[in-house]
N, C-alpha and C. Protein backbone atom coordinates (compact mmCIF):
# COMPACT_ATOMS: atom_id res chain seq x y z
N ASN A 1 -44.22 45.86 -7.78
CA ASN A 1 -45.27 46.21 -8.95
C ASN A 1 -44.73 46.49 -10.30
N ASP A 2 -45.56 45.84 -11.13
CA ASP A 2 -45.37 45.83 -12.51
C ASP A 2 -46.16 47.28 -12.93
N VAL A 3 -45.29 48.02 -13.91
CA VAL A 3 -46.11 49.13 -14.40
C VAL A 3 -45.68 49.14 -15.94
N LEU A 4 -46.89 49.42 -16.62
CA LEU A 4 -47.07 49.91 -17.96
C LEU A 4 -47.26 51.26 -18.02
N ILE A 5 -46.46 51.68 -19.36
CA ILE A 5 -46.53 53.00 -19.31
C ILE A 5 -46.72 53.28 -20.91
N ALA A 6 -47.84 54.23 -21.30
CA ALA A 6 -48.12 54.64 -22.79
C ALA A 6 -48.39 56.04 -22.77
N SER A 7 -47.81 56.58 -24.02
CA SER A 7 -48.05 57.99 -24.30
C SER A 7 -48.35 58.12 -25.72
N ASP A 8 -49.25 59.01 -25.94
CA ASP A 8 -49.65 59.54 -27.45
C ASP A 8 -50.13 58.29 -28.19
N ILE A 9 -50.88 57.52 -27.90
CA ILE A 9 -51.30 56.39 -28.40
C ILE A 9 -52.69 56.21 -29.13
N ILE A 10 -53.63 57.12 -28.61
CA ILE A 10 -54.85 57.07 -28.92
C ILE A 10 -55.01 58.07 -30.28
N TYR A 11 -55.12 57.55 -31.31
CA TYR A 11 -55.56 58.11 -32.71
C TYR A 11 -57.04 57.71 -33.08
N SER A 12 -57.54 56.53 -32.90
CA SER A 12 -58.63 56.30 -33.64
C SER A 12 -59.27 55.30 -32.45
N ALA A 13 -60.77 55.26 -32.72
CA ALA A 13 -61.26 54.58 -31.78
C ALA A 13 -61.04 52.97 -32.17
N VAL A 14 -60.70 52.56 -33.09
CA VAL A 14 -60.55 51.13 -33.25
C VAL A 14 -59.40 50.74 -32.41
N ILE A 15 -58.52 51.29 -31.95
CA ILE A 15 -57.52 50.84 -31.18
C ILE A 15 -57.72 50.73 -29.41
N VAL A 16 -58.96 51.22 -29.22
CA VAL A 16 -59.24 51.50 -27.78
C VAL A 16 -59.45 49.97 -27.30
N GLU A 17 -60.27 49.20 -27.75
CA GLU A 17 -60.60 47.91 -27.25
C GLU A 17 -59.20 46.90 -27.19
N PRO A 18 -58.50 47.02 -28.47
CA PRO A 18 -57.28 46.29 -28.39
C PRO A 18 -56.26 46.68 -27.29
N LEU A 19 -56.36 47.99 -26.94
CA LEU A 19 -55.21 48.65 -26.05
C LEU A 19 -55.73 48.10 -24.73
N TRP A 20 -56.91 47.78 -24.37
CA TRP A 20 -57.42 47.29 -23.03
C TRP A 20 -57.14 45.71 -23.14
N GLU A 21 -57.32 45.11 -24.23
CA GLU A 21 -56.78 43.61 -24.40
C GLU A 21 -55.35 43.43 -23.94
N THR A 22 -54.61 44.14 -24.44
CA THR A 22 -53.21 44.23 -24.27
C THR A 22 -52.90 44.50 -22.71
N VAL A 23 -53.45 45.42 -22.13
CA VAL A 23 -53.32 45.86 -20.94
C VAL A 23 -53.54 44.50 -19.89
N LEU A 24 -54.93 44.02 -20.09
CA LEU A 24 -55.22 42.79 -19.37
C LEU A 24 -54.48 41.76 -19.66
N THR A 25 -53.74 41.50 -20.69
CA THR A 25 -52.70 40.52 -20.83
C THR A 25 -51.43 40.62 -19.97
N LEU A 26 -50.99 41.85 -20.28
CA LEU A 26 -49.68 42.16 -19.56
C LEU A 26 -49.67 42.78 -18.26
N LEU A 27 -50.71 43.24 -17.47
CA LEU A 27 -50.39 43.91 -16.23
C LEU A 27 -50.76 42.91 -15.30
N LYS A 28 -49.82 42.86 -14.23
CA LYS A 28 -50.07 41.88 -13.10
C LYS A 28 -51.34 42.09 -12.33
N ARG A 29 -52.30 40.98 -11.96
CA ARG A 29 -53.29 41.16 -11.15
C ARG A 29 -53.13 41.15 -9.59
N PRO A 30 -53.79 41.68 -8.92
CA PRO A 30 -53.60 41.61 -7.50
C PRO A 30 -53.99 40.36 -7.12
N SER A 31 -53.32 39.75 -6.04
CA SER A 31 -53.30 38.31 -5.70
C SER A 31 -52.71 38.12 -4.09
N ASP A 32 -53.41 37.42 -3.35
CA ASP A 32 -52.86 37.03 -2.06
C ASP A 32 -52.34 38.31 -1.16
N GLY A 33 -53.12 39.49 -1.30
CA GLY A 33 -52.77 40.44 -0.57
C GLY A 33 -51.73 41.56 -1.23
N GLU A 34 -51.33 41.02 -2.42
CA GLU A 34 -50.13 41.81 -3.21
C GLU A 34 -50.82 42.64 -3.97
N GLU A 35 -50.47 43.82 -4.25
CA GLU A 35 -51.06 44.94 -5.19
C GLU A 35 -50.94 44.49 -6.65
N GLY A 36 -51.58 44.91 -7.61
CA GLY A 36 -51.66 44.57 -8.80
C GLY A 36 -50.55 45.48 -9.42
N GLY A 37 -50.51 45.46 -10.78
CA GLY A 37 -49.71 46.64 -11.39
C GLY A 37 -50.59 47.72 -11.88
N VAL A 38 -49.85 48.88 -12.35
CA VAL A 38 -50.44 50.22 -12.57
C VAL A 38 -50.05 50.21 -14.04
N PHE A 39 -51.11 50.83 -14.82
CA PHE A 39 -51.09 51.46 -16.01
C PHE A 39 -50.79 52.83 -15.97
N VAL A 40 -50.04 53.56 -16.82
CA VAL A 40 -49.81 54.92 -16.68
C VAL A 40 -49.99 55.18 -18.28
N MET A 41 -51.03 56.13 -18.28
CA MET A 41 -51.24 56.73 -19.69
C MET A 41 -51.39 58.26 -19.80
N ALA A 42 -50.53 58.94 -20.99
CA ALA A 42 -50.86 60.21 -20.69
C ALA A 42 -51.72 60.29 -22.19
N TYR A 43 -52.53 61.20 -22.18
CA TYR A 43 -53.37 61.45 -23.21
C TYR A 43 -53.40 62.76 -23.79
N ALA A 44 -53.00 62.99 -24.90
CA ALA A 44 -53.02 64.43 -25.74
C ALA A 44 -54.06 64.98 -26.23
N ARG A 45 -54.58 66.02 -26.21
CA ARG A 45 -55.82 66.47 -26.76
C ARG A 45 -55.33 66.59 -28.44
N ARG A 46 -55.82 66.03 -29.32
CA ARG A 46 -55.45 65.94 -30.71
C ARG A 46 -56.87 65.99 -31.58
N LYS A 47 -56.67 66.32 -32.51
CA LYS A 47 -57.89 66.45 -33.73
C LYS A 47 -58.06 64.99 -34.31
N VAL A 48 -58.44 64.34 -33.35
CA VAL A 48 -58.78 62.90 -33.82
C VAL A 48 -60.26 62.40 -33.42
N PRO A 49 -60.83 61.49 -34.03
CA PRO A 49 -62.48 61.11 -33.87
C PRO A 49 -62.30 60.10 -32.83
N VAL A 50 -61.63 60.18 -31.57
CA VAL A 50 -61.98 59.67 -30.29
C VAL A 50 -61.71 60.32 -29.13
N SER A 51 -62.40 60.28 -27.93
CA SER A 51 -62.45 60.97 -26.83
C SER A 51 -61.69 60.29 -25.69
N ILE A 52 -61.17 60.78 -24.83
CA ILE A 52 -60.71 60.24 -23.59
C ILE A 52 -61.96 59.68 -22.85
N GLU A 53 -63.21 60.21 -22.94
CA GLU A 53 -64.40 59.52 -22.50
C GLU A 53 -64.53 57.90 -22.91
N LEU A 54 -64.23 57.87 -24.18
CA LEU A 54 -64.53 56.62 -24.58
C LEU A 54 -63.20 55.36 -24.08
N VAL A 55 -62.08 56.06 -23.97
CA VAL A 55 -60.83 55.15 -23.30
C VAL A 55 -61.26 55.01 -21.82
N LEU A 56 -61.86 56.07 -20.94
CA LEU A 56 -62.14 55.75 -19.75
C LEU A 56 -63.37 54.86 -19.53
N GLU A 57 -64.32 54.69 -20.40
CA GLU A 57 -65.69 53.87 -20.46
C GLU A 57 -65.05 52.56 -20.51
N THR A 58 -64.22 52.44 -21.40
CA THR A 58 -63.91 51.11 -21.87
C THR A 58 -62.85 50.42 -20.88
N ALA A 59 -62.34 51.21 -20.37
CA ALA A 59 -61.27 50.69 -19.20
C ALA A 59 -62.32 50.17 -17.95
N ILE A 60 -63.35 50.97 -17.63
CA ILE A 60 -64.12 50.76 -16.61
C ILE A 60 -64.82 49.24 -17.10
N THR A 61 -65.21 49.16 -18.40
CA THR A 61 -65.77 47.88 -18.98
C THR A 61 -64.94 46.51 -18.57
N ASN A 62 -63.80 47.17 -18.91
CA ASN A 62 -62.62 45.69 -18.93
C ASN A 62 -62.12 45.51 -17.56
N GLY A 63 -62.60 46.28 -16.46
CA GLY A 63 -62.45 46.00 -15.06
C GLY A 63 -61.38 46.44 -14.52
N PHE A 64 -61.10 47.97 -14.72
CA PHE A 64 -60.08 48.94 -14.33
C PHE A 64 -60.77 49.92 -13.72
N ALA A 65 -60.22 50.75 -12.52
CA ALA A 65 -60.41 52.05 -11.93
C ALA A 65 -59.37 52.78 -12.53
N TYR A 66 -59.72 54.27 -12.55
CA TYR A 66 -58.81 55.08 -13.10
C TYR A 66 -58.96 56.35 -12.13
N GLU A 67 -57.58 56.97 -12.23
CA GLU A 67 -57.14 58.28 -11.40
C GLU A 67 -56.76 59.20 -12.19
N LEU A 68 -57.18 60.46 -12.21
CA LEU A 68 -56.35 61.55 -13.01
C LEU A 68 -55.22 61.96 -12.11
N VAL A 69 -54.34 62.01 -12.54
CA VAL A 69 -52.93 62.45 -11.71
C VAL A 69 -52.37 63.54 -11.93
N LYS A 70 -52.35 63.99 -13.28
CA LYS A 70 -51.76 65.19 -13.71
C LYS A 70 -52.94 65.86 -15.01
N GLU A 71 -52.84 66.99 -14.77
CA GLU A 71 -53.96 67.68 -15.81
C GLU A 71 -53.17 68.97 -16.05
N ASP A 72 -52.86 69.29 -17.67
CA ASP A 72 -52.27 70.54 -18.15
C ASP A 72 -53.50 71.03 -19.01
N ASP A 73 -54.23 71.67 -18.78
CA ASP A 73 -55.38 72.19 -19.72
C ASP A 73 -54.56 72.92 -20.99
N GLU A 74 -53.55 73.64 -20.54
CA GLU A 74 -53.12 74.63 -21.63
C GLU A 74 -52.26 73.78 -22.53
N GLU A 75 -51.59 72.84 -22.23
CA GLU A 75 -50.96 71.97 -23.33
C GLU A 75 -51.89 71.05 -23.83
N GLY A 76 -52.96 70.55 -23.05
CA GLY A 76 -54.00 69.65 -23.59
C GLY A 76 -53.38 68.34 -23.21
N ILE A 77 -52.73 68.13 -22.13
CA ILE A 77 -52.30 66.65 -21.60
C ILE A 77 -52.83 66.18 -20.49
N TRP A 78 -53.31 65.11 -20.18
CA TRP A 78 -53.79 64.44 -19.02
C TRP A 78 -53.16 63.19 -18.71
N VAL A 79 -52.68 62.85 -17.59
CA VAL A 79 -52.10 61.62 -17.24
C VAL A 79 -53.08 61.00 -16.38
N TYR A 80 -53.33 59.70 -16.67
CA TYR A 80 -53.93 58.91 -15.62
C TYR A 80 -53.37 57.64 -15.37
N THR A 81 -53.69 57.04 -14.28
CA THR A 81 -53.41 55.81 -13.69
C THR A 81 -54.54 54.86 -13.63
N PHE A 82 -54.45 53.63 -14.16
CA PHE A 82 -55.41 52.46 -14.19
C PHE A 82 -54.91 51.54 -13.26
N ARG A 83 -55.72 50.79 -12.46
CA ARG A 83 -55.40 49.84 -11.93
C ARG A 83 -56.90 48.81 -12.01
N TYR A 84 -56.39 47.64 -11.51
CA TYR A 84 -57.75 46.45 -11.66
C TYR A 84 -58.71 46.82 -10.42
N ASN A 85 -59.82 47.04 -10.97
CA ASN A 85 -60.99 47.32 -9.99
C ASN A 85 -61.33 46.23 -8.99
N GLU A 86 -60.86 46.77 -7.76
CA GLU A 86 -61.34 45.53 -6.62
C GLU A 86 -62.37 45.81 -6.10
N GLY A 87 -63.08 47.01 -6.04
CA GLY A 87 -64.07 47.68 -5.13
C GLY A 87 -65.38 48.02 -5.87
N GLY A 88 -65.21 47.75 -7.27
CA GLY A 88 -66.52 48.18 -8.15
C GLY A 88 -66.75 49.42 -8.40
N ALA A 89 -65.89 50.53 -7.93
CA ALA A 89 -66.24 51.75 -8.30
C ALA A 89 -65.06 52.33 -9.12
N GLU A 90 -65.32 53.30 -9.73
CA GLU A 90 -64.22 53.97 -10.84
C GLU A 90 -62.93 54.41 -9.88
């Protein structure tokens, strides 16, 4: 499986759509019974004008499902995995 990893990359709303365009270009799609790749992204709480909700909504719009795999409220860090959405649900 292909794995893309990103951390601490969300500083402005203008990079959210280009982020997903890049993931769509680089991440292996599922085919012929083979799993597609996974995109792992760590999001840190910052004083920036963009929310994780925007990132997640844009992921869904671009055909991805996501899962929160690690949450550290004290440190303000969340780790998500994203895969191509085959079933139509988040």
